[in-house]
Amino acid sequence: MTTPAAPGLPAPPPLGVSALPPGTYDGRLVLVTGGGTGLGRAIAAEFARLGADVMIASRKGEHLAPAREQLAAVEGAGRVTAATCDIRDAGRIAEAFDAAWAAHGRVPDVLVNNAAANFPVPAEELSPNGWRSVVDITLNGTFFMTREFGRRHLAAGTPGSVLAVGASYAWTGGPGFAHSAAAKAGVKNLVETLAVEWGPYGIQVNGLVPGLMPHEDMTPEIRANLDRADDPGARQPALRVGAPRELGWAATFLASPYARFISGHTLVVDGANWQRRDLVNGPVTTVREQLGRGPFTP
């Protein structure tokens, strides 16, 4: 008797369907940083599909026009607007929130902190500028955006929902990503801290961690690192990679009326990959070897 081949986790439903009722976000405004590309755009699309007005923000203005056009074409979408915003600059952040008010007449009901910076590098080669750039965008920018969102809702006495896109190496550490892992650990802590501080005022704060979800906007460095592995899906417990829409579905649930009692939680959407352990560990391969680099030379 032969053992059937392991099928892995089933494929997700097709793009365009949703677990939540149509119109769940009618009359609501959702602001997504880094919403012009990749996973940010996928998250924005799922909110739009449920009737939300969506504002996407990006430091790079060239990403906004095509993304805005794509999101506006999503069936069920409300109004879609865009703002150029460098989240490292608190003044520019205030301008983006002012633009949201001018265009939509309200403070965003949901903030999705998706914008981040990252690139693989051995820690010994990580420059001070590289460290500061990643931490400034990923951690400081997330805090500055969330602070502006919170201040405006606290002043108005209105409820709101914050989602911060994190990474599983906030728990485990991330060899090759010391800058990003440290920043994402800070983001996870912010989620837990602000959920307690702002819960009494009706503001929920949660985290959302994507697994391997390939998309066309991955950076060349991360794409090259991924391409070194044959059949990435076979390396996941799910025996497949994730689809960007699966992260969007998780986001729309966490910020929905059906998840109001969930706060201070970070939901990992990765098919259990971050919890994977082998019974017997394989040989250690240095980060330099994994990135195809020779011996370190100062």
Protein backbone atom coordinates (compact mmCIF):
# COMPACT_ATOMS: atom_id res chain seq x y z
CA MET A 1 0.00 0.00 0.00
CA THR A 2 1.46 3.37 -1.02
CA THR A 3 1.04 6.58 0.90
CA PRO A 4 -0.75 9.27 -1.12
CA ALA A 5 1.35 12.30 -2.01
CA ALA A 6 0.90 15.18 0.42
CA PRO A 7 -1.42 17.71 -1.22
CA GLY A 8 -0.51 20.74 0.91
CA LEU A 9 -2.98 23.43 1.83
CA PRO A 10 -5.75 24.00 -0.74
CA ALA A 11 -5.47 26.87 -3.19
CA PRO A 12 -7.36 30.04 -2.24
CA PRO A 13 -10.64 31.07 -3.85
CA PRO A 14 -10.24 33.09 -7.04
CA LEU A 15 -9.37 36.75 -7.17
CA GLY A 16 -12.52 38.87 -6.92
CA VAL A 17 -14.38 36.99 -4.19
CA SER A 18 -14.58 37.92 -0.52
CA ALA A 19 -15.58 36.28 2.75
CA LEU A 20 -17.20 39.49 4.00
CA PRO A 21 -20.57 40.83 2.86
CA PRO A 22 -20.56 43.23 -0.11
CA GLY A 23 -20.56 46.80 1.11
CA THR A 24 -18.88 46.02 4.45
CA TYR A 25 -16.79 49.17 4.04
CA ASP A 26 -19.37 51.41 2.36
CA GLY A 27 -18.82 54.97 3.53
CA ARG A 28 -15.46 54.15 5.10
CA LEU A 29 -12.09 55.58 4.11
CA VAL A 30 -9.00 53.36 4.14
CA LEU A 31 -5.49 54.83 3.86
CA VAL A 32 -2.78 52.42 2.69
CA THR A 33 0.87 53.44 2.73
CA GLY A 34 2.97 51.86 0.03
CA GLY A 35 -0.35 51.27 -1.69
CA GLY A 36 0.92 51.88 -5.19
CA THR A 37 2.65 48.54 -5.62
CA GLY A 38 2.85 44.92 -4.51
CA LEU A 39 1.16 43.76 -1.34
CA GLY A 40 -0.01 47.26 -0.45
CA ARG A 41 -1.96 47.51 -3.68
CA ALA A 42 -3.38 44.01 -3.13
CA ILE A 43 -4.59 45.01 0.32
CA ALA A 44 -6.10 48.23 -1.03
CA ALA A 45 -7.92 46.25 -3.73
CA GLU A 46 -9.70 44.04 -1.22
CA PHE A 47 -10.90 47.02 0.81
CA ALA A 48 -12.08 48.66 -2.42
CA ARG A 49 -13.93 45.49 -3.42
CA LEU A 50 -15.94 45.77 -0.21
CA GLY A 51 -17.04 49.33 -0.97
CA ALA A 52 -14.35 51.38 0.75
CA ASP A 53 -13.12 54.73 -0.38
CA VAL A 54 -9.38 54.19 -0.65
CA MET A 55 -6.46 56.60 -0.47
CA ILE A 56 -3.09 55.17 -1.45
CA ALA A 57 0.12 56.89 -0.40
CA SER A 58 3.60 56.42 -1.76
CA ARG A 59 6.93 58.22 -1.60
CA LYS A 60 7.31 57.61 -5.35
CA GLY A 61 4.64 59.48 -7.24
CA GLU A 62 5.10 57.46 -10.44
CA HIS A 63 3.51 54.46 -8.72
CA LEU A 64 0.30 56.24 -7.82
CA ALA A 65 -1.42 56.98 -11.15
CA PRO A 66 -1.42 53.39 -12.52
CA ALA A 67 -2.39 51.95 -9.13
CA ARG A 68 -5.21 54.45 -8.72
CA GLU A 69 -6.55 53.50 -12.15
CA GLN A 70 -6.42 49.78 -11.33
CA LEU A 71 -8.11 50.22 -7.97
CA ALA A 72 -10.85 52.44 -9.39
CA ALA A 73 -11.69 49.63 -11.82
CA VAL A 74 -12.30 47.12 -8.99
CA GLU A 75 -15.96 46.15 -8.88
CA GLY A 76 -17.63 47.67 -5.83
CA ALA A 77 -14.91 50.27 -5.20
CA GLY A 78 -15.73 53.67 -3.81
CA ARG A 79 -13.64 56.74 -4.58
CA VAL A 80 -9.92 56.19 -5.02
CA THR A 81 -7.48 59.01 -4.33
CA ALA A 82 -3.72 59.18 -3.99
CA ALA A 83 -1.16 61.23 -2.11
CA THR A 84 2.60 61.50 -2.39
CA CYS A 85 3.97 61.09 1.11
CA ASP A 86 7.37 60.42 2.64
CA ILE A 87 6.43 58.74 5.91
CA ARG A 88 9.77 59.70 7.45
CA ASP A 89 8.58 63.33 7.49
CA ALA A 90 5.89 64.13 10.06
CA GLY A 91 5.01 67.33 8.19
CA ARG A 92 4.34 65.44 4.95
CA ILE A 93 2.25 62.94 6.87
CA ALA A 94 0.07 65.73 8.24
CA GLU A 95 -0.36 67.00 4.68
CA ALA A 96 -1.51 63.55 3.53
CA PHE A 97 -4.15 63.43 6.27
CA ASP A 98 -5.22 66.96 5.35
CA ALA A 99 -5.53 65.81 1.74
CA ALA A 100 -7.70 62.89 2.87
CA TRP A 101 -9.98 65.33 4.70
CA ALA A 102 -10.13 67.67 1.71
CA ALA A 103 -10.98 64.85 -0.71
CA HIS A 104 -13.25 62.71 1.47
CA GLY A 105 -14.41 64.97 4.30
CA ARG A 106 -13.23 62.60 7.02
CA VAL A 107 -10.25 61.20 8.86
CA PRO A 108 -9.39 57.76 7.46
CA ASP A 109 -11.31 55.08 9.37
CA VAL A 110 -8.60 52.51 8.72
CA LEU A 111 -4.85 53.00 8.41
CA VAL A 112 -2.74 50.25 6.85
CA ASN A 113 0.95 50.79 7.54
CA ASN A 114 2.40 48.81 4.67
CA ALA A 115 5.30 51.01 3.53
CA ALA A 116 8.72 49.63 4.49
CA ALA A 117 12.28 49.35 3.24
CA ASN A 118 14.37 46.21 3.04
CA PHE A 119 17.28 44.57 1.28
CA PRO A 120 19.35 41.48 2.12
CA VAL A 121 22.85 42.18 3.42
CA PRO A 122 25.30 40.60 5.89
CA ALA A 123 25.39 42.72 9.04
CA GLU A 124 29.11 43.39 8.66
CA GLU A 125 28.44 45.07 5.30
CA LEU A 126 25.42 47.06 6.43
CA SER A 127 26.33 50.74 6.26
CA PRO A 128 25.15 53.28 8.84
CA ASN A 129 23.07 54.95 6.11
CA GLY A 130 21.54 51.61 5.12
CA TRP A 131 20.64 50.88 8.74
CA ARG A 132 19.16 54.33 9.29
CA SER A 133 17.19 54.27 6.05
CA VAL A 134 15.44 50.97 6.80
CA VAL A 135 14.74 51.77 10.44
CA ASP A 136 13.59 55.29 9.58
CA ILE A 137 11.02 54.12 7.03
CA THR A 138 9.92 50.86 8.61
CA LEU A 139 9.78 51.77 12.29
CA ASN A 140 9.81 55.54 12.56
CA GLY A 141 7.52 56.00 9.57
CA THR A 142 5.03 53.48 10.95
CA PHE A 143 4.98 55.30 14.28
CA PHE A 144 4.65 58.76 12.72
CA MET A 145 1.72 57.63 10.54
CA THR A 146 0.02 55.87 13.44
CA ARG A 147 0.57 58.82 15.76
CA GLU A 148 -1.08 61.22 13.31
CA PHE A 149 -3.99 58.82 12.83
CA GLY A 150 -4.43 58.39 16.57
CA ARG A 151 -4.19 62.10 17.38
CA ARG A 152 -6.89 62.98 14.87
CA HIS A 153 -9.28 60.31 16.11
CA LEU A 154 -8.63 61.14 19.75
CA ALA A 155 -9.34 64.81 19.06
CA ALA A 156 -12.55 63.96 17.21
CA GLY A 157 -13.67 61.24 19.63
CA THR A 158 -14.10 58.75 16.80
CA PRO A 159 -13.12 55.08 16.61
CA GLY A 160 -10.57 53.72 14.15
CA SER A 161 -8.50 50.72 13.19
CA VAL A 162 -4.75 50.47 12.55
CA LEU A 163 -3.03 47.60 10.77
CA ALA A 164 0.76 47.40 10.72
CA VAL A 165 2.37 45.02 8.25
CA GLY A 166 5.14 43.19 10.07
CA ALA A 167 7.46 40.23 9.57
CA SER A 168 7.85 36.91 11.33
CA TYR A 169 11.49 37.61 12.08
CA ALA A 170 10.25 40.15 14.62
CA TRP A 171 10.01 37.03 16.84
CA THR A 172 12.88 34.94 15.52
CA GLY A 173 15.50 37.38 14.27
CA GLY A 174 16.38 37.57 10.60
CA PRO A 175 19.90 36.66 9.50
CA GLY A 176 20.70 38.79 6.47
CA PHE A 177 18.08 41.33 7.52
CA ALA A 178 19.38 42.75 10.81
CA HIS A 179 18.06 46.23 9.99
CA SER A 180 14.57 45.11 8.98
CA ALA A 181 14.25 42.49 11.73
CA ALA A 182 15.07 45.04 14.41
CA ALA A 183 12.64 47.55 12.91
CA LYS A 184 9.83 45.00 12.56
CA ALA A 185 10.35 43.91 16.18
CA GLY A 186 9.73 47.53 17.09
CA VAL A 187 6.59 47.59 14.95
CA LYS A 188 5.25 44.48 16.70
CA ASN A 189 5.87 46.12 20.06
CA LEU A 190 4.09 49.29 18.91
CA VAL A 191 1.04 47.20 18.00
CA GLU A 192 0.92 45.71 21.49
CA THR A 193 1.59 49.00 23.26
CA LEU A 194 -0.82 51.23 21.35
CA ALA A 195 -3.62 48.67 21.45
CA VAL A 196 -3.66 49.08 25.23
CA GLU A 197 -3.18 52.85 25.22
CA TRP A 198 -5.87 53.58 22.67
CA GLY A 199 -8.37 50.80 23.26
CA PRO A 200 -10.36 52.91 25.73
CA TYR A 201 -10.87 55.47 22.96
CA GLY A 202 -12.20 52.97 20.42
CA ILE A 203 -9.02 52.54 18.40
CA GLN A 204 -7.90 48.97 17.71
CA VAL A 205 -4.35 48.24 16.63
CA ASN A 206 -3.26 44.97 15.04
CA GLY A 207 -0.37 43.55 13.07
CA LEU A 208 -0.39 41.51 9.88
CA VAL A 209 2.54 39.38 8.72
CA PRO A 210 2.75 38.05 5.15
CA GLY A 211 4.52 34.87 4.23
CA LEU A 212 6.11 34.27 0.86
CA MET A 213 3.71 35.93 -1.58
CA PRO A 214 5.57 36.58 -4.85
CA HIS A 215 4.44 39.59 -6.87
CA GLU A 216 5.70 41.66 -9.75
CA ASP A 217 6.96 44.51 -7.56
CA MET A 218 9.47 42.59 -5.45
CA THR A 219 12.84 44.34 -5.25
CA PRO A 220 15.57 42.96 -7.53
CA GLU A 221 17.64 41.89 -4.50
CA ILE A 222 14.79 39.91 -2.92
CA ARG A 223 13.72 38.50 -6.29
CA ALA A 224 17.30 37.34 -6.95
CA ASN A 225 17.45 35.73 -3.51
CA LEU A 226 14.16 33.94 -4.18
CA ASP A 227 15.31 32.77 -7.61
CA ARG A 228 18.22 30.92 -6.04
CA ALA A 229 15.75 28.36 -4.67
CA ASP A 230 14.07 25.92 -7.03
CA ASP A 231 10.31 25.41 -6.47
CA PRO A 232 9.77 27.81 -3.52
CA GLY A 233 6.34 26.30 -2.87
CA ALA A 234 7.84 22.91 -2.06
CA ARG A 235 9.86 24.59 0.69
CA GLN A 236 6.72 25.69 2.56
CA PRO A 237 4.65 23.48 4.92
CA ALA A 238 1.64 24.47 2.79
CA LEU A 239 3.46 23.12 -0.29
CA ARG A 240 2.61 26.36 -2.05
CA VAL A 241 3.35 30.05 -1.80
CA GLY A 242 0.73 32.56 -0.78
CA ALA A 243 -1.35 34.80 -3.03
CA PRO A 244 -1.33 38.56 -2.31
CA ARG A 245 -5.13 38.57 -2.11
CA GLU A 246 -4.89 36.24 0.92
CA LEU A 247 -3.16 39.03 2.83
CA GLY A 248 -5.85 41.44 1.64
CA TRP A 249 -8.60 39.17 2.95
CA ALA A 250 -6.92 38.98 6.35
CA ALA A 251 -6.59 42.76 6.45
CA THR A 252 -10.23 43.40 5.61
CA PHE A 253 -11.30 40.99 8.35
CA LEU A 254 -9.09 42.45 11.08
CA ALA A 255 -10.36 45.99 10.42
CA SER A 256 -13.99 44.93 9.98
CA PRO A 257 -16.91 45.17 12.42
CA TYR A 258 -16.55 41.39 12.90
CA ALA A 259 -13.13 41.74 14.54
CA ARG A 260 -13.74 44.60 16.94
CA PHE A 261 -12.65 42.56 19.98
CA ILE A 262 -9.32 41.66 18.37
CA SER A 263 -6.64 44.19 19.27
CA GLY A 264 -2.95 43.99 20.09
CA HIS A 265 -2.68 40.85 17.99
CA THR A 266 -0.34 40.09 15.09
CA LEU A 267 -1.79 37.65 12.58
CA VAL A 268 0.72 35.65 10.54
CA VAL A 269 -0.52 34.64 7.09
CA ASP A 270 2.20 32.27 5.92
CA GLY A 271 0.92 28.69 5.98
CA ALA A 272 2.88 28.00 9.20
CA ASN A 273 6.22 28.53 7.50
CA TRP A 274 7.71 30.63 10.29
CA GLN A 275 7.04 27.82 12.80
CA ARG A 276 8.76 25.20 10.68
CA ARG A 277 11.46 23.13 12.39
CA ASP A 278 13.36 20.09 11.11
CA LEU A 279 13.80 17.06 13.34
CA VAL A 280 17.49 17.14 12.53
CA ASN A 281 18.99 20.46 11.50
CA GLY A 282 21.03 20.56 8.32
CA PRO A 283 24.52 21.99 8.05
CA VAL A 284 24.87 25.69 8.80
CA THR A 285 25.31 27.88 5.75
CA THR A 286 26.50 31.40 6.43
CA VAL A 287 24.49 34.37 5.27
CA ARG A 288 27.37 35.36 3.00
CA GLU A 289 27.20 31.97 1.27
CA GLN A 290 23.42 32.18 0.95
CA LEU A 291 23.75 35.57 -0.74
CA GLY A 292 26.50 34.31 -3.03
CA ARG A 293 29.22 36.51 -1.53
CA GLY A 294 32.84 35.68 -0.92
CA PRO A 295 34.85 36.23 2.27
CA PHE A 296 34.42 39.59 3.96
CA THR A 297 37.01 42.20 3.09
CA PRO A 298 36.94 45.43 5.13
